[in-house]
Structure formats: structure tokens, C-alpha cells
Amino acid sequence: VVLRYHWIEPFVRSLRERLAAFHRFFCVADQVKVYTNQNK
């Protein structure tokens, strides 16, 4: 997404607040798949 310059600080602050409660975790990425972007 495009963030306007004056949005960066409040955007980052809001992200920090929303993500503060999350704990570390593991995931496994082991399935090979082919993707295209939206415009192909």
C-alpha cells in the first residue's frame, strides 16, 4: 500500500499497539506452489 508521509508515524504506532499482545510461534513453509501477481 502507499502510505502518505504524514501517516507513517501514526500507522506504525497503531501497528505496534495491535501487535503487542502476540506471542512468538512457529510455522512450516514446505509446500511448493506456483503464484502469479494480480495483473499476471
All heavy atoms as atom14 arrays in JSON, in Angstrom:
{
  "sequence": "VVLRYHWIEPFVRSLRERLAAFHRFFCVADQVKVYTNQNK",
  "atom14_mask": [
    [1, 1, 1, 1, 1, 1, 1, 0, 0, 0, 0, 0, 0, 0],
    [1, 1, 1, 1, 1, 1, 1, 0, 0, 0, 0, 0, 0, 0],
    [1, 1, 1, 1, 1, 1, 1, 1, 0, 0, 0, 0, 0, 0],
    [1, 1, 1, 1, 1, 1, 1, 1, 1, 1, 1, 0, 0, 0],
    [1, 1, 1, 1, 1, 1, 1, 1, 1, 1, 1, 1, 0, 0],
    [1, 1, 1, 1, 1, 1, 1, 1, 1, 1, 0, 0, 0, 0],
    [1, 1, 1, 1, 1, 1, 1, 1, 1, 1, 1, 1, 1, 1],
    [1, 1, 1, 1, 1, 1, 1, 1, 0, 0, 0, 0, 0, 0],
    [1, 1, 1, 1, 1, 1, 1, 1, 1, 0, 0, 0, 0, 0],
    [1, 1, 1, 1, 1, 1, 1, 0, 0, 0, 0, 0, 0, 0],
    [1, 1, 1, 1, 1, 1, 1, 1, 1, 1, 1, 0, 0, 0],
    [1, 1, 1, 1, 1, 1, 1, 0, 0, 0, 0, 0, 0, 0],
    [1, 1, 1, 1, 1, 1, 1, 1, 1, 1, 1, 0, 0, 0],
    [1, 1, 1, 1, 1, 1, 0, 0, 0, 0, 0, 0, 0, 0],
    [1, 1, 1, 1, 1, 1, 1, 1, 0, 0, 0, 0, 0, 0],
    [1, 1, 1, 1, 1, 1, 1, 1, 1, 1, 1, 0, 0, 0],
    [1, 1, 1, 1, 1, 1, 1, 1, 1, 0, 0, 0, 0, 0],
    [1, 1, 1, 1, 1, 1, 1, 1, 1, 1, 1, 0, 0, 0],
    [1, 1, 1, 1, 1, 1, 1, 1, 0, 0, 0, 0, 0, 0],
    [1, 1, 1, 1, 1, 0, 0, 0, 0, 0, 0, 0, 0, 0],
    [1, 1, 1, 1, 1, 0, 0, 0, 0, 0, 0, 0, 0, 0],
    [1, 1, 1, 1, 1, 1, 1, 1, 1, 1, 1, 0, 0, 0],
    [1, 1, 1, 1, 1, 1, 1, 1, 1, 1, 0, 0, 0, 0],
    [1, 1, 1, 1, 1, 1, 1, 1, 1, 1, 1, 0, 0, 0],
    [1, 1, 1, 1, 1, 1, 1, 1, 1, 1, 1, 0, 0, 0],
    [1, 1, 1, 1, 1, 1, 1, 1, 1, 1, 1, 0, 0, 0],
    [1, 1, 1, 1, 1, 1, 0, 0, 0, 0, 0, 0, 0, 0],
    [1, 1, 1, 1, 1, 1, 1, 0, 0, 0, 0, 0, 0, 0],
    [1, 1, 1, 1, 1, 0, 0, 0, 0, 0, 0, 0, 0, 0],
    [1, 1, 1, 1, 1, 1, 1, 1, 0, 0, 0, 0, 0, 0],
    [1, 1, 1, 1, 1, 1, 1, 1, 1, 0, 0, 0, 0, 0],
    [1, 1, 1, 1, 1, 1, 1, 0, 0, 0, 0, 0, 0, 0],
    [1, 1, 1, 1, 1, 1, 1, 1, 1, 0, 0, 0, 0, 0],
    [1, 1, 1, 1, 1, 1, 1, 0, 0, 0, 0, 0, 0, 0],
    [1, 1, 1, 1, 1, 1, 1, 1, 1, 1, 1, 1, 0, 0],
    [1, 1, 1, 1, 1, 1, 1, 0, 0, 0, 0, 0, 0, 0],
    [1, 1, 1, 1, 1, 1, 1, 1, 0, 0, 0, 0, 0, 0],
    [1, 1, 1, 1, 1, 1, 1, 1, 1, 0, 0, 0, 0, 0],
    [1, 1, 1, 1, 1, 1, 1, 1, 0, 0, 0, 0, 0, 0],
    [1, 1, 1, 1, 1, 1, 1, 1, 1, 0, 0, 0, 0, 0]
  ],
  "atom14_positions": [
    [[0.86, -1.19, 0.0], [0.0, 0.0, 0.0], [0.89, 1.24, 0.0], [2.06, 1.17, 0.37], [-0.95, 0.04, 1.23], [-1.92, -1.14, 1.2], [-0.17, 0.04, 2.53], [0.0, 0.0, 0.0], [0.0, 0.0, 0.0], [0.0, 0.0, 0.0], [0.0, 0.0, 0.0], [0.0, 0.0, 0.0], [0.0, 0.0, 0.0], [0.0, 0.0, 0.0]],
    [[0.31, 2.34, -0.41], [1.04, 3.61, -0.4], [0.63, 4.37, 0.86], [-0.55, 4.64, 1.08], [0.71, 4.45, -1.66], [1.4, 5.8, -1.59], [1.13, 3.68, -2.91], [0.0, 0.0, 0.0], [0.0, 0.0, 0.0], [0.0, 0.0, 0.0], [0.0, 0.0, 0.0], [0.0, 0.0, 0.0], [0.0, 0.0, 0.0], [0.0, 0.0, 0.0]],
    [[1.63, 4.69, 1.69], [1.4, 5.48, 2.9], [1.85, 6.91, 2.63], [2.98, 7.13, 2.2], [2.21, 4.93, 4.08], [1.79, 3.62, 4.69], [2.76, 3.24, 5.8], [0.37, 3.7, 5.23], [0.0, 0.0, 0.0], [0.0, 0.0, 0.0], [0.0, 0.0, 0.0], [0.0, 0.0, 0.0], [0.0, 0.0, 0.0], [0.0, 0.0, 0.0]],
    [[0.98, 7.84, 2.89], [1.4, 9.24, 2.81], [2.41, 9.5, 3.92], [2.35, 8.88, 4.97], [0.18, 10.15, 2.99], [-0.81, 9.97, 1.86], [-2.08, 10.72, 2.14], [-3.07, 10.37, 1.15], [-3.73, 11.24, 0.44], [-3.56, 12.53, 0.62], [-4.6, 10.83, -0.45], [0.0, 0.0, 0.0], [0.0, 0.0, 0.0], [0.0, 0.0, 0.0]],
    [[3.31, 10.4, 3.66], [4.41, 10.63, 4.6], [3.89, 10.9, 6.02], [4.4, 10.34, 7.0], [5.31, 11.78, 4.13], [6.44, 12.04, 5.07], [7.56, 11.22, 5.06], [6.39, 13.08, 5.99], [8.61, 11.43, 5.94], [7.43, 13.3, 6.87], [8.53, 12.47, 6.84], [9.56, 12.67, 7.72], [0.0, 0.0, 0.0], [0.0, 0.0, 0.0]],
    [[2.87, 11.73, 6.16], [2.38, 12.1, 7.5], [1.57, 10.98, 8.15], [1.2, 11.08, 9.31], [1.56, 13.41, 7.43], [0.33, 13.32, 6.6], [0.36, 13.43, 5.22], [-0.97, 13.11, 6.94], [-0.88, 13.31, 4.76], [-1.69, 13.12, 5.77], [0.0, 0.0, 0.0], [0.0, 0.0, 0.0], [0.0, 0.0, 0.0], [0.0, 0.0, 0.0]],
    [[1.3, 9.89, 7.43], [0.63, 8.72, 8.0], [1.6, 7.74, 8.62], [1.2, 6.88, 9.42], [-0.16, 7.98, 6.94], [-1.4, 8.62, 6.45], [-1.97, 9.79, 6.87], [-2.24, 8.12, 5.41], [-3.11, 10.04, 6.15], [-3.3, 9.03, 5.25], [-2.21, 7.0, 4.59], [-4.32, 8.84, 4.32], [-3.21, 6.8, 3.66], [-4.25, 7.72, 3.53]],
    [[2.86, 7.79, 8.25], [3.8, 6.74, 8.64], [3.87, 6.58, 10.15], [3.7, 5.47, 10.68], [5.2, 6.98, 8.03], [5.11, 6.88, 6.5], [6.21, 5.97, 8.58], [6.38, 7.29, 5.77], [0.0, 0.0, 0.0], [0.0, 0.0, 0.0], [0.0, 0.0, 0.0], [0.0, 0.0, 0.0], [0.0, 0.0, 0.0], [0.0, 0.0, 0.0]],
    [[4.11, 7.66, 10.86], [4.25, 7.56, 12.31], [2.98, 7.04, 12.99], [3.05, 6.09, 13.78], [4.66, 8.92, 12.89], [5.04, 8.85, 14.36], [5.49, 10.2, 14.88], [6.29, 10.87, 14.2], [5.02, 10.57, 15.97], [0.0, 0.0, 0.0], [0.0, 0.0, 0.0], [0.0, 0.0, 0.0], [0.0, 0.0, 0.0], [0.0, 0.0, 0.0]],
    [[1.78, 7.6, 12.71], [0.58, 7.04, 13.35], [0.28, 5.6, 12.89], [-0.23, 4.8, 13.68], [-0.55, 8.0, 12.96], [0.01, 8.9, 11.92], [1.49, 8.82, 11.97], [0.0, 0.0, 0.0], [0.0, 0.0, 0.0], [0.0, 0.0, 0.0], [0.0, 0.0, 0.0], [0.0, 0.0, 0.0], [0.0, 0.0, 0.0], [0.0, 0.0, 0.0]],
    [[0.6, 5.26, 11.66], [0.39, 3.9, 11.16], [1.26, 2.92, 11.94], [0.77, 1.89, 12.43], [0.72, 3.85, 9.66], [0.43, 2.53, 9.01], [-0.82, 2.26, 8.49], [1.42, 1.56, 8.92], [-1.09, 1.04, 7.89], [1.16, 0.34, 8.32], [-0.1, 0.08, 7.81], [0.0, 0.0, 0.0], [0.0, 0.0, 0.0], [0.0, 0.0, 0.0]],
    [[2.53, 3.26, 12.09], [3.46, 2.4, 12.82], [3.05, 2.29, 14.29], [3.09, 1.2, 14.88], [4.91, 2.92, 12.66], [5.87, 2.23, 13.63], [5.37, 2.74, 11.22], [0.0, 0.0, 0.0], [0.0, 0.0, 0.0], [0.0, 0.0, 0.0], [0.0, 0.0, 0.0], [0.0, 0.0, 0.0], [0.0, 0.0, 0.0], [0.0, 0.0, 0.0]],
    [[2.64, 3.39, 14.87], [2.19, 3.38, 16.27], [0.98, 2.45, 16.44], [0.92, 1.64, 17.37], [1.85, 4.81, 16.74], [1.5, 4.9, 18.21], [1.36, 6.34, 18.7], [0.63, 7.22, 17.81], [1.17, 8.23, 17.13], [2.46, 8.52, 17.26], [0.45, 8.99, 16.34], [0.0, 0.0, 0.0], [0.0, 0.0, 0.0], [0.0, 0.0, 0.0]],
    [[0.03, 2.54, 15.53], [-1.15, 1.7, 15.59], [-0.79, 0.22, 15.41], [-1.31, -0.65, 16.12], [-2.16, 2.14, 14.53], [-3.39, 1.49, 14.7], [0.0, 0.0, 0.0], [0.0, 0.0, 0.0], [0.0, 0.0, 0.0], [0.0, 0.0, 0.0], [0.0, 0.0, 0.0], [0.0, 0.0, 0.0], [0.0, 0.0, 0.0], [0.0, 0.0, 0.0]],
    [[0.11, -0.07, 14.48], [0.57, -1.46, 14.3], [1.22, -1.97, 15.58], [0.94, -3.09, 16.02], [1.6, -1.54, 13.17], [1.12, -1.85, 11.78], [2.3, -1.9, 10.81], [0.33, -3.13, 11.7], [0.0, 0.0, 0.0], [0.0, 0.0, 0.0], [0.0, 0.0, 0.0], [0.0, 0.0, 0.0], [0.0, 0.0, 0.0], [0.0, 0.0, 0.0]],
    [[2.09, -1.16, 16.17], [2.79, -1.56, 17.4], [1.79, -1.91, 18.5], [1.93, -2.92, 19.18], [3.73, -0.44, 17.86], [4.65, -0.83, 19.0], [5.68, 0.23, 19.34], [6.42, 0.76, 18.2], [7.4, 0.14, 17.55], [7.74, -1.07, 17.92], [8.02, 0.72, 16.54], [0.0, 0.0, 0.0], [0.0, 0.0, 0.0], [0.0, 0.0, 0.0]],
    [[0.75, -1.09, 18.66], [-0.26, -1.35, 19.69], [-1.02, -2.64, 19.4], [-1.27, -3.44, 20.3], [-1.24, -0.17, 19.76], [-0.63, 1.08, 20.34], [-1.49, 2.32, 20.14], [-2.64, 2.21, 19.63], [-1.01, 3.43, 20.48], [0.0, 0.0, 0.0], [0.0, 0.0, 0.0], [0.0, 0.0, 0.0], [0.0, 0.0, 0.0], [0.0, 0.0, 0.0]],
    [[-1.39, -2.86, 18.16], [-2.2, -4.03, 17.8], [-1.41, -5.34, 17.86], [-2.0, -6.39, 18.09], [-2.78, -3.85, 16.41], [-3.81, -2.76, 16.36], [-4.98, -3.25, 15.6], [-6.06, -2.31, 15.62], [-7.27, -2.6, 16.02], [-7.55, -3.81, 16.44], [-8.22, -1.71, 15.98], [0.0, 0.0, 0.0], [0.0, 0.0, 0.0], [0.0, 0.0, 0.0]],
    [[-0.11, -5.26, 17.62], [0.7, -6.49, 17.58], [1.38, -6.8, 18.91], [1.97, -7.87, 19.07], [1.75, -6.38, 16.47], [1.2, -6.2, 15.06], [2.34, -5.97, 14.07], [0.33, -7.37, 14.64], [0.0, 0.0, 0.0], [0.0, 0.0, 0.0], [0.0, 0.0, 0.0], [0.0, 0.0, 0.0], [0.0, 0.0, 0.0], [0.0, 0.0, 0.0]],
    [[1.26, -5.89, 19.89], [1.98, -6.02, 21.17], [1.62, -7.29, 21.93], [2.46, -7.84, 22.64], [1.73, -4.79, 22.04], [0.0, 0.0, 0.0], [0.0, 0.0, 0.0], [0.0, 0.0, 0.0], [0.0, 0.0, 0.0], [0.0, 0.0, 0.0], [0.0, 0.0, 0.0], [0.0, 0.0, 0.0], [0.0, 0.0, 0.0], [0.0, 0.0, 0.0]],
    [[0.41, -7.78, 21.81], [-0.03, -8.93, 22.6], [0.35, -10.28, 21.99], [0.19, -11.31, 22.64], [-1.55, -8.87, 22.79], [0.0, 0.0, 0.0], [0.0, 0.0, 0.0], [0.0, 0.0, 0.0], [0.0, 0.0, 0.0], [0.0, 0.0, 0.0], [0.0, 0.0, 0.0], [0.0, 0.0, 0.0], [0.0, 0.0, 0.0], [0.0, 0.0, 0.0]],
    [[0.87, -10.28, 20.78], [1.14, -11.56, 20.11], [2.41, -12.23, 20.62], [3.42, -11.57, 20.87], [1.26, -11.34, 18.59], [-0.07, -11.26, 17.92], [-0.72, -10.05, 17.79], [-0.68, -12.4, 17.44], [-1.95, -9.96, 17.19], [-1.92, -12.33, 16.83], [-2.56, -11.11, 16.7], [0.0, 0.0, 0.0], [0.0, 0.0, 0.0], [0.0, 0.0, 0.0]],
    [[2.31, -13.55, 20.75], [3.44, -14.36, 21.19], [4.17, -14.94, 19.99], [3.59, -15.1, 18.91], [2.95, -15.5, 22.1], [2.44, -15.0, 23.41], [3.25, -14.83, 24.51], [1.19, -14.62, 23.79], [2.53, -14.37, 25.51], [1.27, -14.23, 25.11], [0.0, 0.0, 0.0], [0.0, 0.0, 0.0], [0.0, 0.0, 0.0], [0.0, 0.0, 0.0]],
    [[5.43, -15.3, 20.23], [6.21, -15.97, 19.19], [5.56, -17.3, 18.85], [4.92, -17.92, 19.7], [7.64, -16.22, 19.68], [8.39, -14.95, 19.94], [9.74, -15.24, 20.54], [10.41, -13.96, 20.78], [11.68, -13.85, 21.08], [12.43, -14.93, 21.19], [12.21, -12.67, 21.27], [0.0, 0.0, 0.0], [0.0, 0.0, 0.0], [0.0, 0.0, 0.0]],
    [[5.76, -17.73, 17.62], [5.2, -19.02, 17.2], [6.02, -19.55, 16.03], [6.83, -18.85, 15.45], [3.72, -18.88, 16.82], [3.46, -18.03, 15.6], [3.3, -18.62, 14.36], [3.38, -16.65, 15.7], [3.07, -17.84, 13.23], [3.15, -15.87, 14.58], [2.99, -16.46, 13.35], [0.0, 0.0, 0.0], [0.0, 0.0, 0.0], [0.0, 0.0, 0.0]],
    [[5.77, -20.8, 15.71], [6.43, -21.44, 14.57], [5.42, -21.64, 13.46], [4.23, -21.83, 13.7], [6.96, -22.82, 14.96], [8.19, -22.78, 15.79], [8.12, -22.89, 17.17], [9.44, -22.65, 15.21], [9.25, -22.86, 17.95], [10.59, -22.62, 15.98], [10.5, -22.73, 17.35], [0.0, 0.0, 0.0], [0.0, 0.0, 0.0], [0.0, 0.0, 0.0]],
    [[5.91, -21.6, 12.24], [5.13, -22.06, 11.11], [6.04, -22.91, 10.24], [7.27, -22.88, 10.4], [4.48, -20.92, 10.33], [5.57, -19.94, 9.34], [0.0, 0.0, 0.0], [0.0, 0.0, 0.0], [0.0, 0.0, 0.0], [0.0, 0.0, 0.0], [0.0, 0.0, 0.0], [0.0, 0.0, 0.0], [0.0, 0.0, 0.0], [0.0, 0.0, 0.0]],
    [[5.45, -23.69, 9.38], [6.2, -24.55, 8.47], [5.81, -24.17, 7.05], [4.62, -24.15, 6.72], [5.9, -26.04, 8.73], [6.65, -26.93, 7.74], [6.26, -26.42, 10.16], [0.0, 0.0, 0.0], [0.0, 0.0, 0.0], [0.0, 0.0, 0.0], [0.0, 0.0, 0.0], [0.0, 0.0, 0.0], [0.0, 0.0, 0.0], [0.0, 0.0, 0.0]],
    [[6.8, -23.85, 6.23], [6.56, -23.5, 4.82], [7.26, -24.56, 3.98], [8.46, -24.46, 3.73], [7.08, -22.11, 4.51], [0.0, 0.0, 0.0], [0.0, 0.0, 0.0], [0.0, 0.0, 0.0], [0.0, 0.0, 0.0], [0.0, 0.0, 0.0], [0.0, 0.0, 0.0], [0.0, 0.0, 0.0], [0.0, 0.0, 0.0], [0.0, 0.0, 0.0]],
    [[6.51, -25.59, 3.57], [7.15, -26.73, 2.9], [6.39, -27.25, 1.68], [6.73, -28.29, 1.14], [7.37, -27.87, 3.89], [6.06, -28.39, 4.49], [4.99, -27.83, 4.19], [6.13, -29.35, 5.28], [0.0, 0.0, 0.0], [0.0, 0.0, 0.0], [0.0, 0.0, 0.0], [0.0, 0.0, 0.0], [0.0, 0.0, 0.0], [0.0, 0.0, 0.0]],
    [[5.39, -26.51, 1.24], [4.6, -26.95, 0.08], [4.91, -26.05, -1.11], [4.59, -24.86, -1.09], [3.1, -26.91, 0.4], [2.7, -27.79, 1.57], [3.02, -29.25, 1.33], [2.59, -29.83, 0.33], [3.79, -29.84, 2.22], [0.0, 0.0, 0.0], [0.0, 0.0, 0.0], [0.0, 0.0, 0.0], [0.0, 0.0, 0.0], [0.0, 0.0, 0.0]],
    [[5.52, -26.61, -2.16], [5.88, -25.82, -3.33], [4.61, -25.47, -4.1], [3.75, -26.33, -4.33], [6.86, -26.58, -4.24], [7.29, -25.71, -5.42], [8.08, -27.04, -3.46], [0.0, 0.0, 0.0], [0.0, 0.0, 0.0], [0.0, 0.0, 0.0], [0.0, 0.0, 0.0], [0.0, 0.0, 0.0], [0.0, 0.0, 0.0], [0.0, 0.0, 0.0]],
    [[4.49, -24.21, -4.48], [3.31, -23.74, -5.18], [3.71, -22.66, -6.17], [4.7, -21.96, -5.97], [2.3, -23.19, -4.17], [0.89, -23.08, -4.7], [-0.12, -22.92, -3.59], [-1.49, -22.7, -4.18], [-2.51, -22.44, -3.18], [0.0, 0.0, 0.0], [0.0, 0.0, 0.0], [0.0, 0.0, 0.0], [0.0, 0.0, 0.0], [0.0, 0.0, 0.0]],
    [[2.92, -22.52, -7.23], [3.17, -21.5, -8.25], [2.12, -20.4, -8.08], [0.94, -20.67, -7.89], [3.08, -22.12, -9.67], [3.24, -21.05, -10.74], [4.14, -23.2, -9.84], [0.0, 0.0, 0.0], [0.0, 0.0, 0.0], [0.0, 0.0, 0.0], [0.0, 0.0, 0.0], [0.0, 0.0, 0.0], [0.0, 0.0, 0.0], [0.0, 0.0, 0.0]],
    [[2.58, -19.16, -8.15], [1.72, -17.99, -7.98], [1.93, -17.02, -9.15], [3.01, -17.0, -9.74], [2.07, -17.23, -6.69], [1.89, -18.04, -5.44], [2.94, -18.8, -4.92], [0.68, -18.04, -4.76], [2.77, -19.55, -3.76], [0.51, -18.78, -3.6], [1.56, -19.53, -3.11], [1.39, -20.26, -1.96], [0.0, 0.0, 0.0], [0.0, 0.0, 0.0]],
    [[0.91, -16.22, -9.41], [1.09, -15.07, -10.29], [0.56, -13.85, -9.55], [-0.29, -13.98, -8.67], [0.31, -15.22, -11.63], [-1.07, -15.44, -11.34], [0.86, -16.35, -12.47], [0.0, 0.0, 0.0], [0.0, 0.0, 0.0], [0.0, 0.0, 0.0], [0.0, 0.0, 0.0], [0.0, 0.0, 0.0], [0.0, 0.0, 0.0], [0.0, 0.0, 0.0]],
    [[1.07, -12.68, -9.91], [0.53, -11.47, -9.3], [-0.85, -11.18, -9.9], [-1.29, -11.85, -10.84], [1.49, -10.28, -9.44], [1.73, -9.87, -10.88], [1.23, -10.48, -11.83], [2.5, -8.83, -11.06], [0.0, 0.0, 0.0], [0.0, 0.0, 0.0], [0.0, 0.0, 0.0], [0.0, 0.0, 0.0], [0.0, 0.0, 0.0], [0.0, 0.0, 0.0]],
    [[-1.55, -10.2, -9.34], [-2.92, -9.92, -9.78], [-3.02, -9.59, -11.26], [-3.98, -9.96, -11.92], [-3.52, -8.78, -8.95], [-3.92, -9.19, -7.56], [-4.5, -8.04, -6.76], [-3.97, -6.93, -6.76], [-5.6, -8.31, -6.07], [0.0, 0.0, 0.0], [0.0, 0.0, 0.0], [0.0, 0.0, 0.0], [0.0, 0.0, 0.0], [0.0, 0.0, 0.0]],
    [[-2.03, -8.89, -11.79], [-2.05, -8.48, -13.2], [-1.54, -9.56, -14.14], [-1.51, -9.34, -15.36], [-1.19, -7.23, -13.41], [-1.6, -6.09, -12.52], [-2.71, -6.07, -11.99], [-0.72, -5.13, -12.34], [0.0, 0.0, 0.0], [0.0, 0.0, 0.0], [0.0, 0.0, 0.0], [0.0, 0.0, 0.0], [0.0, 0.0, 0.0], [0.0, 0.0, 0.0]],
    [[-1.07, -10.69, -13.57], [-0.5, -11.79, -14.37], [0.74, -11.33, -15.15], [1.03, -11.84, -16.22], [-1.54, -12.39, -15.34], [-2.82, -12.84, -14.69], [-2.67, -14.21, -14.14], [-4.03, -14.73, -13.66], [-3.9, -15.71, -12.65], [0.0, 0.0, 0.0], [0.0, 0.0, 0.0], [0.0, 0.0, 0.0], [0.0, 0.0, 0.0], [0.0, 0.0, 0.0]]
  ]
}
